[in-house]
């Protein structure tokens, strides 16, 4: 299966997701959050830095649950331009 290159919009959305998760994680360690969500710390690091711009839905859902974020709020924050980014809790 050939994967098409990501569009600039997908890359930007991935960066917004990473920023949102990093801010929501706050002072919690990356290791603690990753293990609680059932993902590897490396996967979380890649998502937070935007290197994985389109993570699996189940990964986003697990991280959102651990970080007490609703999926509706995550999408609302990720789908808007970067200047509109804020943490909704």
PDB file of N, CA and C in Angstrom:
ATOM      1  N   UNK A   1       0.837  -1.172   0.000  1.00  0.00           N
ATOM      2  CA  UNK A   1       0.000   0.000   0.000  1.00  0.00           C
ATOM      3  C   UNK A   1       0.887   1.242   0.000  1.00  0.00           C
ATOM      4  N   UNK A   2       0.632   2.118  -0.928  1.00  0.00           N
ATOM      5  CA  UNK A   2       1.387   3.361  -1.028  1.00  0.00           C
ATOM      6  C   UNK A   2       0.651   4.438  -0.253  1.00  0.00           C
ATOM      7  N   UNK A   3       1.367   5.088   0.614  1.00  0.00           N
ATOM      8  CA  UNK A   3       0.761   6.159   1.406  1.00  0.00           C
ATOM      9  C   UNK A   3       1.038   7.489   0.728  1.00  0.00           C
ATOM     10  N   UNK A   4      -0.008   8.260   0.498  1.00  0.00           N
ATOM     11  CA  UNK A   4       0.142   9.559  -0.134  1.00  0.00           C
ATOM     12  C   UNK A   4       0.819  10.522   0.834  1.00  0.00           C
ATOM     13  N   UNK A   5       1.595  11.465   0.302  1.00  0.00           N
ATOM     14  CA  UNK A   5       2.213  12.468   1.185  1.00  0.00           C
ATOM     15  C   UNK A   5       1.134  13.282   1.896  1.00  0.00           C
ATOM     16  N   UNK A   6       1.459  13.709   3.086  1.00  0.00           N
ATOM     17  CA  UNK A   6       0.522  14.530   3.848  1.00  0.00           C
ATOM     18  C   UNK A   6       0.404  15.906   3.218  1.00  0.00           C
ATOM     19  N   UNK A   7      -0.782  16.447   3.300  1.00  0.00           N
ATOM     20  CA  UNK A   7      -0.996  17.809   2.808  1.00  0.00           C
ATOM     21  C   UNK A   7      -0.469  18.795   3.846  1.00  0.00           C
ATOM     22  N   UNK A   8      -0.217  20.028   3.437  1.00  0.00           N
ATOM     23  CA  UNK A   8       0.195  21.035   4.431  1.00  0.00           C
ATOM     24  C   UNK A   8      -0.826  21.192   5.557  1.00  0.00           C
ATOM     25  N   UNK A   9      -2.115  21.054   5.230  1.00  0.00           N
ATOM     26  CA  UNK A   9      -3.157  21.171   6.249  1.00  0.00           C
ATOM     27  C   UNK A   9      -3.073  20.022   7.256  1.00  0.00           C
ATOM     28  N   UNK A  10      -2.792  18.813   6.779  1.00  0.00           N
ATOM     29  CA  UNK A  10      -2.655  17.667   7.682  1.00  0.00           C
ATOM     30  C   UNK A  10      -1.439  17.828   8.585  1.00  0.00           C
ATOM     31  N   UNK A  11      -0.372  18.337   8.021  1.00  0.00           N
ATOM     32  CA  UNK A  11       0.842  18.564   8.820  1.00  0.00           C
ATOM     33  C   UNK A  11       0.573  19.607   9.903  1.00  0.00           C
ATOM     34  N   UNK A  12      -0.088  20.696   9.523  1.00  0.00           N
ATOM     35  CA  UNK A  12      -0.398  21.745  10.501  1.00  0.00           C
ATOM     36  C   UNK A  12      -1.351  21.237  11.579  1.00  0.00           C
ATOM     37  N   UNK A  13      -2.348  20.439  11.183  1.00  0.00           N
ATOM     38  CA  UNK A  13      -3.282  19.871  12.155  1.00  0.00           C
ATOM     39  C   UNK A  13      -2.549  18.948  13.127  1.00  0.00           C
ATOM     40  N   UNK A  14      -1.589  18.171  12.630  1.00  0.00           N
ATOM     41  CA  UNK A  14      -0.787  17.308  13.487  1.00  0.00           C
ATOM     42  C   UNK A  14       0.046  18.106  14.476  1.00  0.00           C
ATOM     43  N   UNK A  15       0.559  19.238  14.032  1.00  0.00           N
ATOM     44  CA  UNK A  15       1.327  20.091  14.932  1.00  0.00           C
ATOM     45  C   UNK A  15       0.437  20.685  16.011  1.00  0.00           C
ATOM     46  N   UNK A  16      -0.787  21.073  15.631  1.00  0.00           N
ATOM     47  CA  UNK A  16      -1.729  21.593  16.641  1.00  0.00           C
ATOM     48  C   UNK A  16      -2.104  20.514  17.642  1.00  0.00           C
ATOM     49  N   UNK A  17      -2.296  19.280  17.163  1.00  0.00           N
ATOM     50  CA  UNK A  17      -2.597  18.172  18.073  1.00  0.00           C
ATOM     51  C   UNK A  17      -1.455  17.975  19.054  1.00  0.00           C
ATOM     52  N   UNK A  18      -0.234  17.968  18.561  1.00  0.00           N
ATOM     53  CA  UNK A  18       0.930  17.796  19.424  1.00  0.00           C
ATOM     54  C   UNK A  18       1.018  18.876  20.488  1.00  0.00           C
ATOM     55  N   UNK A  19       0.780  20.112  20.081  1.00  0.00           N
ATOM     56  CA  UNK A  19       0.813  21.234  21.024  1.00  0.00           C
ATOM     57  C   UNK A  19      -0.273  21.083  22.080  1.00  0.00           C
ATOM     58  N   UNK A  20      -1.462  20.711  21.642  1.00  0.00           N
ATOM     59  CA  UNK A  20      -2.571  20.518  22.576  1.00  0.00           C
ATOM     60  C   UNK A  20      -2.249  19.435  23.601  1.00  0.00           C
ATOM     61  N   UNK A  21      -1.754  18.308  23.146  1.00  0.00           N
ATOM     62  CA  UNK A  21      -1.439  17.206  24.063  1.00  0.00           C
ATOM     63  C   UNK A  21      -0.309  17.580  25.018  1.00  0.00           C
ATOM     64  N   UNK A  22       0.697  18.253  24.501  1.00  0.00           N
ATOM     65  CA  UNK A  22       1.829  18.661  25.339  1.00  0.00           C
ATOM     66  C   UNK A  22       1.357  19.624  26.426  1.00  0.00           C
ATOM     67  N   UNK A  23       0.511  20.579  26.058  1.00  0.00           N
ATOM     68  CA  UNK A  23      -0.005  21.535  27.051  1.00  0.00           C
ATOM     69  C   UNK A  23      -0.897  20.839  28.073  1.00  0.00           C
ATOM     70  N   UNK A  24      -1.736  19.925  27.601  1.00  0.00           N
ATOM     71  CA  UNK A  24      -2.637  19.208  28.511  1.00  0.00           C
ATOM     72  C   UNK A  24      -1.854  18.310  29.466  1.00  0.00           C
ATOM     73  N   UNK A  25      -0.738  17.787  29.000  1.00  0.00           N
ATOM     74  CA  UNK A  25       0.093  16.905  29.846  1.00  0.00           C
ATOM     75  C   UNK A  25       0.699  17.696  30.989  1.00  0.00           C
ATOM     76  N   UNK A  26       0.984  18.962  30.761  1.00  0.00           N
ATOM     77  CA  UNK A  26       1.527  19.830  31.805  1.00  0.00           C
ATOM     78  C   UNK A  26       2.791  19.284  32.429  1.00  0.00           C
ATOM     79  N   UNK A  27       2.773  19.138  33.742  1.00  0.00           N
ATOM     80  CA  UNK A  27       3.940  18.679  34.490  1.00  0.00           C
ATOM     81  C   UNK A  27       4.066  17.158  34.545  1.00  0.00           C
ATOM     82  N   UNK A  28       3.035  16.452  34.067  1.00  0.00           N
ATOM     83  CA  UNK A  28       3.105  14.986  34.088  1.00  0.00           C
ATOM     84  C   UNK A  28       4.201  14.519  33.138  1.00  0.00           C
ATOM     85  N   UNK A  29       4.862  13.450  33.511  1.00  0.00           N
ATOM     86  CA  UNK A  29       5.936  12.953  32.654  1.00  0.00           C
ATOM     87  C   UNK A  29       5.358  12.278  31.415  1.00  0.00           C
ATOM     88  N   UNK A  30       6.113  12.360  30.343  1.00  0.00           N
ATOM     89  CA  UNK A  30       5.721  11.714  29.100  1.00  0.00           C
ATOM     90  C   UNK A  30       5.563  10.212  29.314  1.00  0.00           C
ATOM     91  N   UNK A  31       6.442   9.630  30.106  1.00  0.00           N
ATOM     92  CA  UNK A  31       6.393   8.194  30.383  1.00  0.00           C
ATOM     93  C   UNK A  31       5.087   7.817  31.081  1.00  0.00           C
ATOM     94  N   UNK A  32       4.712   8.554  32.123  1.00  0.00           N
ATOM     95  CA  UNK A  32       3.485   8.248  32.862  1.00  0.00           C
ATOM     96  C   UNK A  32       2.253   8.336  31.977  1.00  0.00           C
ATOM     97  N   UNK A  33       2.164   9.393  31.177  1.00  0.00           N
ATOM     98  CA  UNK A  33       1.002   9.579  30.307  1.00  0.00           C
ATOM     99  C   UNK A  33       0.955   8.491  29.237  1.00  0.00           C
ATOM    100  N   UNK A  34       2.093   8.220  28.627  1.00  0.00           N
ATOM    101  CA  UNK A  34       2.136   7.202  27.567  1.00  0.00           C
ATOM    102  C   UNK A  34       1.724   5.835  28.097  1.00  0.00           C
ATOM    103  N   UNK A  35       2.291   5.443  29.224  1.00  0.00           N
ATOM    104  CA  UNK A  35       1.969   4.127  29.776  1.00  0.00           C
ATOM    105  C   UNK A  35       0.506   4.039  30.199  1.00  0.00           C
ATOM    106  N   UNK A  36      -0.027   5.113  30.766  1.00  0.00           N
ATOM    107  CA  UNK A  36      -1.436   5.117  31.169  1.00  0.00           C
ATOM    108  C   UNK A  36      -2.359   5.001  29.951  1.00  0.00           C
ATOM    109  N   UNK A  37      -1.917   5.538  28.819  1.00  0.00           N
ATOM    110  CA  UNK A  37      -2.715   5.486  27.590  1.00  0.00           C
ATOM    111  C   UNK A  37      -2.467   4.208  26.789  1.00  0.00           C
ATOM    112  N   UNK A  38      -1.468   3.446  27.177  1.00  0.00           N
ATOM    113  CA  UNK A  38      -1.174   2.211  26.456  1.00  0.00           C
ATOM    114  C   UNK A  38      -0.410   2.421  25.166  1.00  0.00           C
ATOM    115  N   UNK A  39       0.344   3.514  25.092  1.00  0.00           N
ATOM    116  CA  UNK A  39       1.184   3.769  23.929  1.00  0.00           C
ATOM    117  C   UNK A  39       2.627   3.902  24.401  1.00  0.00           C
ATOM    118  N   UNK A  40       3.549   3.782  23.486  1.00  0.00           N
ATOM    119  CA  UNK A  40       4.948   3.906  23.875  1.00  0.00           C
ATOM    120  C   UNK A  40       5.302   5.384  24.071  1.00  0.00           C
ATOM    121  N   UNK A  41       6.249   5.664  24.956  1.00  0.00           N
ATOM    122  CA  UNK A  41       6.698   7.044  25.123  1.00  0.00           C
ATOM    123  C   UNK A  41       7.226   7.631  23.806  1.00  0.00           C
ATOM    124  N   UNK A  42       7.826   6.798  22.985  1.00  0.00           N
ATOM    125  CA  UNK A  42       8.330   7.259  21.689  1.00  0.00           C
ATOM    126  C   UNK A  42       7.177   7.711  20.795  1.00  0.00           C
ATOM    127  N   UNK A  43       6.079   6.975  20.807  1.00  0.00           N
ATOM    128  CA  UNK A  43       4.908   7.369  20.018  1.00  0.00           C
ATOM    129  C   UNK A  43       4.365   8.698  20.507  1.00  0.00           C
ATOM    130  N   UNK A  44       4.247   8.862  21.810  1.00  0.00           N
ATOM    131  CA  UNK A  44       3.762  10.123  22.359  1.00  0.00           C
ATOM    132  C   UNK A  44       4.706  11.258  21.998  1.00  0.00           C
ATOM    133  N   UNK A  45       5.993  11.014  22.085  1.00  0.00           N
ATOM    134  CA  UNK A  45       6.970  12.057  21.728  1.00  0.00           C
ATOM    135  C   UNK A  45       6.806  12.470  20.269  1.00  0.00           C
ATOM    136  N   UNK A  46       6.632  11.504  19.390  1.00  0.00           N
ATOM    137  CA  UNK A  46       6.471  11.812  17.965  1.00  0.00           C
ATOM    138  C   UNK A  46       5.189  12.586  17.699  1.00  0.00           C
ATOM    139  N   UNK A  47       4.120  12.239  18.404  1.00  0.00           N
ATOM    140  CA  UNK A  47       2.861  12.964  18.229  1.00  0.00           C
ATOM    141  C   UNK A  47       3.014  14.388  18.746  1.00  0.00           C
ATOM    142  N   UNK A  48       3.592  14.542  19.937  1.00  0.00           N
ATOM    143  CA  UNK A  48       3.750  15.870  20.534  1.00  0.00           C
ATOM    144  C   UNK A  48       4.644  16.784  19.707  1.00  0.00           C
ATOM    145  N   UNK A  49       5.608  16.219  19.000  1.00  0.00           N
ATOM    146  CA  UNK A  49       6.511  17.038  18.188  1.00  0.00           C
ATOM    147  C   UNK A  49       6.021  17.193  16.754  1.00  0.00           C
ATOM    148  N   UNK A  50       4.895  16.576  16.422  1.00  0.00           N
ATOM    149  CA  UNK A  50       4.348  16.699  15.084  1.00  0.00           C
ATOM    150  C   UNK A  50       4.937  15.753  14.060  1.00  0.00           C
ATOM    151  N   UNK A  51       5.815  14.855  14.480  1.00  0.00           N
ATOM    152  CA  UNK A  51       6.415  13.910  13.543  1.00  0.00           C
ATOM    153  C   UNK A  51       5.423  12.857  13.086  1.00  0.00           C
ATOM    154  N   UNK A  52       4.405  12.575  13.895  1.00  0.00           N
ATOM    155  CA  UNK A  52       3.298  11.705  13.491  1.00  0.00           C
ATOM    156  C   UNK A  52       2.083  12.618  13.417  1.00  0.00           C
ATOM    157  N   UNK A  53       1.786  13.075  12.212  1.00  0.00           N
ATOM    158  CA  UNK A  53       0.727  14.068  12.030  1.00  0.00           C
ATOM    159  C   UNK A  53      -0.664  13.448  12.006  1.00  0.00           C
ATOM    160  N   UNK A  54      -0.747  12.154  11.723  1.00  0.00           N
ATOM    161  CA  UNK A  54      -2.055  11.506  11.638  1.00  0.00           C
ATOM    162  C   UNK A  54      -2.065  10.215  12.456  1.00  0.00           C
ATOM    163  N   UNK A  55      -1.999  10.336  13.778  1.00  0.00           N
ATOM    164  CA  UNK A  55      -2.021   9.127  14.615  1.00  0.00           C
ATOM    165  C   UNK A  55      -3.371   8.422  14.531  1.00  0.00           C
ATOM    166  N   UNK A  56      -3.376   7.166  14.891  1.00  0.00           N
ATOM    167  CA  UNK A  56      -4.616   6.373  14.877  1.00  0.00           C
ATOM    168  C   UNK A  56      -5.639   6.970  15.841  1.00  0.00           C
ATOM    169  N   UNK A  57      -6.895   6.850  15.473  1.00  0.00           N
ATOM    170  CA  UNK A  57      -7.974   7.366  16.315  1.00  0.00           C
ATOM    171  C   UNK A  57      -7.907   6.779  17.718  1.00  0.00           C
ATOM    172  N   UNK A  58      -7.647   5.478  17.800  1.00  0.00           N
ATOM    173  CA  UNK A  58      -7.607   4.832  19.117  1.00  0.00           C
ATOM    174  C   UNK A  58      -6.489   5.416  19.981  1.00  0.00           C
ATOM    175  N   UNK A  59      -5.403   5.823  19.370  1.00  0.00           N
ATOM    176  CA  UNK A  59      -4.297   6.445  20.112  1.00  0.00           C
ATOM    177  C   UNK A  59      -4.722   7.806  20.642  1.00  0.00           C
ATOM    178  N   UNK A  60      -5.360   8.596  19.782  1.00  0.00           N
ATOM    179  CA  UNK A  60      -5.835   9.914  20.218  1.00  0.00           C
ATOM    180  C   UNK A  60      -6.877   9.765  21.323  1.00  0.00           C
ATOM    181  N   UNK A  61      -7.788   8.808  21.160  1.00  0.00           N
ATOM    182  CA  UNK A  61      -8.840   8.594  22.163  1.00  0.00           C
ATOM    183  C   UNK A  61      -8.237   8.197  23.505  1.00  0.00           C
ATOM    184  N   UNK A  62      -7.254   7.310  23.497  1.00  0.00           N
ATOM    185  CA  UNK A  62      -6.621   6.870  24.744  1.00  0.00           C
ATOM    186  C   UNK A  62      -5.886   8.028  25.419  1.00  0.00           C
ATOM    187  N   UNK A  63      -5.164   8.814  24.646  1.00  0.00           N
ATOM    188  CA  UNK A  63      -4.443   9.958  25.217  1.00  0.00           C
ATOM    189  C   UNK A  63      -5.425  10.995  25.763  1.00  0.00           C
ATOM    190  N   UNK A  64      -6.490  11.259  25.021  1.00  0.00           N
ATOM    191  CA  UNK A  64      -7.498  12.218  25.483  1.00  0.00           C
ATOM    192  C   UNK A  64      -8.107  11.776  26.808  1.00  0.00           C
ATOM    193  N   UNK A  65      -8.391  10.489  26.935  1.00  0.00           N
ATOM    194  CA  UNK A  65      -8.973   9.985  28.174  1.00  0.00           C
ATOM    195  C   UNK A  65      -8.016  10.185  29.344  1.00  0.00           C
ATOM    196  N   UNK A  66      -6.762   9.838  29.153  1.00  0.00           N
ATOM    197  CA  UNK A  66      -5.764   9.980  30.217  1.00  0.00           C
ATOM    198  C   UNK A  66      -5.576  11.447  30.604  1.00  0.00           C
ATOM    199  N   UNK A  67      -5.684  12.345  29.623  1.00  0.00           N
ATOM    200  CA  UNK A  67      -5.466  13.768  29.870  1.00  0.00           C
ATOM    201  C   UNK A  67      -6.760  14.516  30.206  1.00  0.00           C
ATOM    202  N   UNK A  68      -7.852  13.757  30.402  1.00  0.00           N
ATOM    203  CA  UNK A  68      -9.160  14.346  30.734  1.00  0.00           C
ATOM    204  C   UNK A  68      -9.625  15.362  29.695  1.00  0.00           C
ATOM    205  N   UNK A  69      -9.439  15.032  28.429  1.00  0.00           N
ATOM    206  CA  UNK A  69      -9.910  15.861  27.328  1.00  0.00           C
ATOM    207  C   UNK A  69     -11.028  15.111  26.609  1.00  0.00           C
ATOM    208  N   UNK A  70     -12.085  15.807  26.253  1.00  0.00           N
ATOM    209  CA  UNK A  70     -13.121  15.151  25.448  1.00  0.00           C
ATOM    210  C   UNK A  70     -12.660  15.147  23.995  1.00  0.00           C
ATOM    211  N   UNK A  71     -13.075  14.140  23.254  1.00  0.00           N
ATOM    212  CA  UNK A  71     -12.707  14.078  21.839  1.00  0.00           C
ATOM    213  C   UNK A  71     -13.312  15.247  21.066  1.00  0.00           C
ATOM    214  N   UNK A  72     -14.484  15.702  21.476  1.00  0.00           N
ATOM    215  CA  UNK A  72     -15.080  16.876  20.833  1.00  0.00           C
ATOM    216  C   UNK A  72     -14.185  18.097  21.017  1.00  0.00           C
ATOM    217  N   UNK A  73     -13.677  18.270  22.232  1.00  0.00           N
ATOM    218  CA  UNK A  73     -12.792  19.403  22.501  1.00  0.00           C
ATOM    219  C   UNK A  73     -11.477  19.271  21.738  1.00  0.00           C
ATOM    220  N   UNK A  74     -10.939  18.067  21.680  1.00  0.00           N
ATOM    221  CA  UNK A  74      -9.693  17.852  20.928  1.00  0.00           C
ATOM    222  C   UNK A  74      -9.909  18.254  19.482  1.00  0.00           C
ATOM    223  N   UNK A  75     -10.974  17.762  18.861  1.00  0.00           N
ATOM    224  CA  UNK A  75     -11.213  18.093  17.459  1.00  0.00           C
ATOM    225  C   UNK A  75     -11.430  19.593  17.287  1.00  0.00           C
ATOM    226  N   UNK A  76     -12.198  20.204  18.179  1.00  0.00           N
ATOM    227  CA  UNK A  76     -12.448  21.642  18.071  1.00  0.00           C
ATOM    228  C   UNK A  76     -11.141  22.429  18.130  1.00  0.00           C
ATOM    229  N   UNK A  77     -10.223  22.000  18.972  1.00  0.00           N
ATOM    230  CA  UNK A  77      -8.945  22.695  19.111  1.00  0.00           C
ATOM    231  C   UNK A  77      -8.008  22.414  17.940  1.00  0.00           C
ATOM    232  N   UNK A  78      -8.029  21.207  17.438  1.00  0.00           N
ATOM    233  CA  UNK A  78      -7.105  20.817  16.377  1.00  0.00           C
ATOM    234  C   UNK A  78      -7.573  21.328  15.016  1.00  0.00           C
ATOM    235  N   UNK A  79      -8.854  21.468  14.832  1.00  0.00           N
ATOM    236  CA  UNK A  79      -9.395  21.859  13.537  1.00  0.00           C
ATOM    237  C   UNK A  79      -9.322  23.362  13.286  1.00  0.00           C
ATOM    238  N   UNK A  80      -9.010  24.150  14.296  1.00  0.00           N
ATOM    239  CA  UNK A  80      -8.949  25.604  14.127  1.00  0.00           C
ATOM    240  C   UNK A  80      -7.524  26.047  13.828  1.00  0.00           C
ATOM    241  N   UNK A  81      -7.360  27.232  13.232  1.00  0.00           N
ATOM    242  CA  UNK A  81      -6.002  27.753  13.008  1.00  0.00           C
ATOM    243  C   UNK A  81      -5.231  27.877  14.312  1.00  0.00           C
ATOM    244  N   UNK A  82      -3.923  27.827  14.228  1.00  0.00           N
ATOM    245  CA  UNK A  82      -3.045  27.796  15.411  1.00  0.00           C
ATOM    246  C   UNK A  82      -3.278  28.964  16.356  1.00  0.00           C
ATOM    247  N   UNK A  83      -3.602  30.160  15.851  1.00  0.00           N
ATOM    248  CA  UNK A  83      -3.777  31.296  16.762  1.00  0.00           C
ATOM    249  C   UNK A  83      -4.994  31.137  17.647  1.00  0.00           C
ATOM    250  N   UNK A  84      -5.920  30.204  17.306  1.00  0.00           N
ATOM    251  CA  UNK A  84      -7.092  29.966  18.122  1.00  0.00           C
ATOM    252  C   UNK A  84      -6.917  28.875  19.142  1.00  0.00           C
ATOM    253  N   UNK A  85      -5.712  28.314  19.261  1.00  0.00           N
ATOM    254  CA  UNK A  85      -5.465  27.168  20.130  1.00  0.00           C
ATOM    255  C   UNK A  85      -5.473  27.574  21.595  1.00  0.00           C
ATOM    256  N   UNK A  86      -6.259  26.843  22.377  1.00  0.00           N
ATOM    257  CA  UNK A  86      -6.260  27.002  23.835  1.00  0.00           C
ATOM    258  C   UNK A  86      -6.736  25.687  24.411  1.00  0.00           C
ATOM    259  N   UNK A  87      -6.457  25.479  25.668  1.00  0.00           N
ATOM    260  CA  UNK A  87      -6.870  24.247  26.327  1.00  0.00           C
ATOM    261  C   UNK A  87      -8.291  24.405  26.842  1.00  0.00           C
ATOM    262  N   UNK A  88      -9.153  23.478  26.462  1.00  0.00           N
ATOM    263  CA  UNK A  88     -10.532  23.465  26.951  1.00  0.00           C
ATOM    264  C   UNK A  88     -10.633  22.287  27.906  1.00  0.00           C
ATOM    265  N   UNK A  89     -11.033  22.572  29.150  1.00  0.00           N
ATOM    266  CA  UNK A  89     -11.173  21.479  30.133  1.00  0.00           C
ATOM    267  C   UNK A  89     -12.535  21.509  30.755  1.00  0.00           C
TER     268      UNK A  89
END
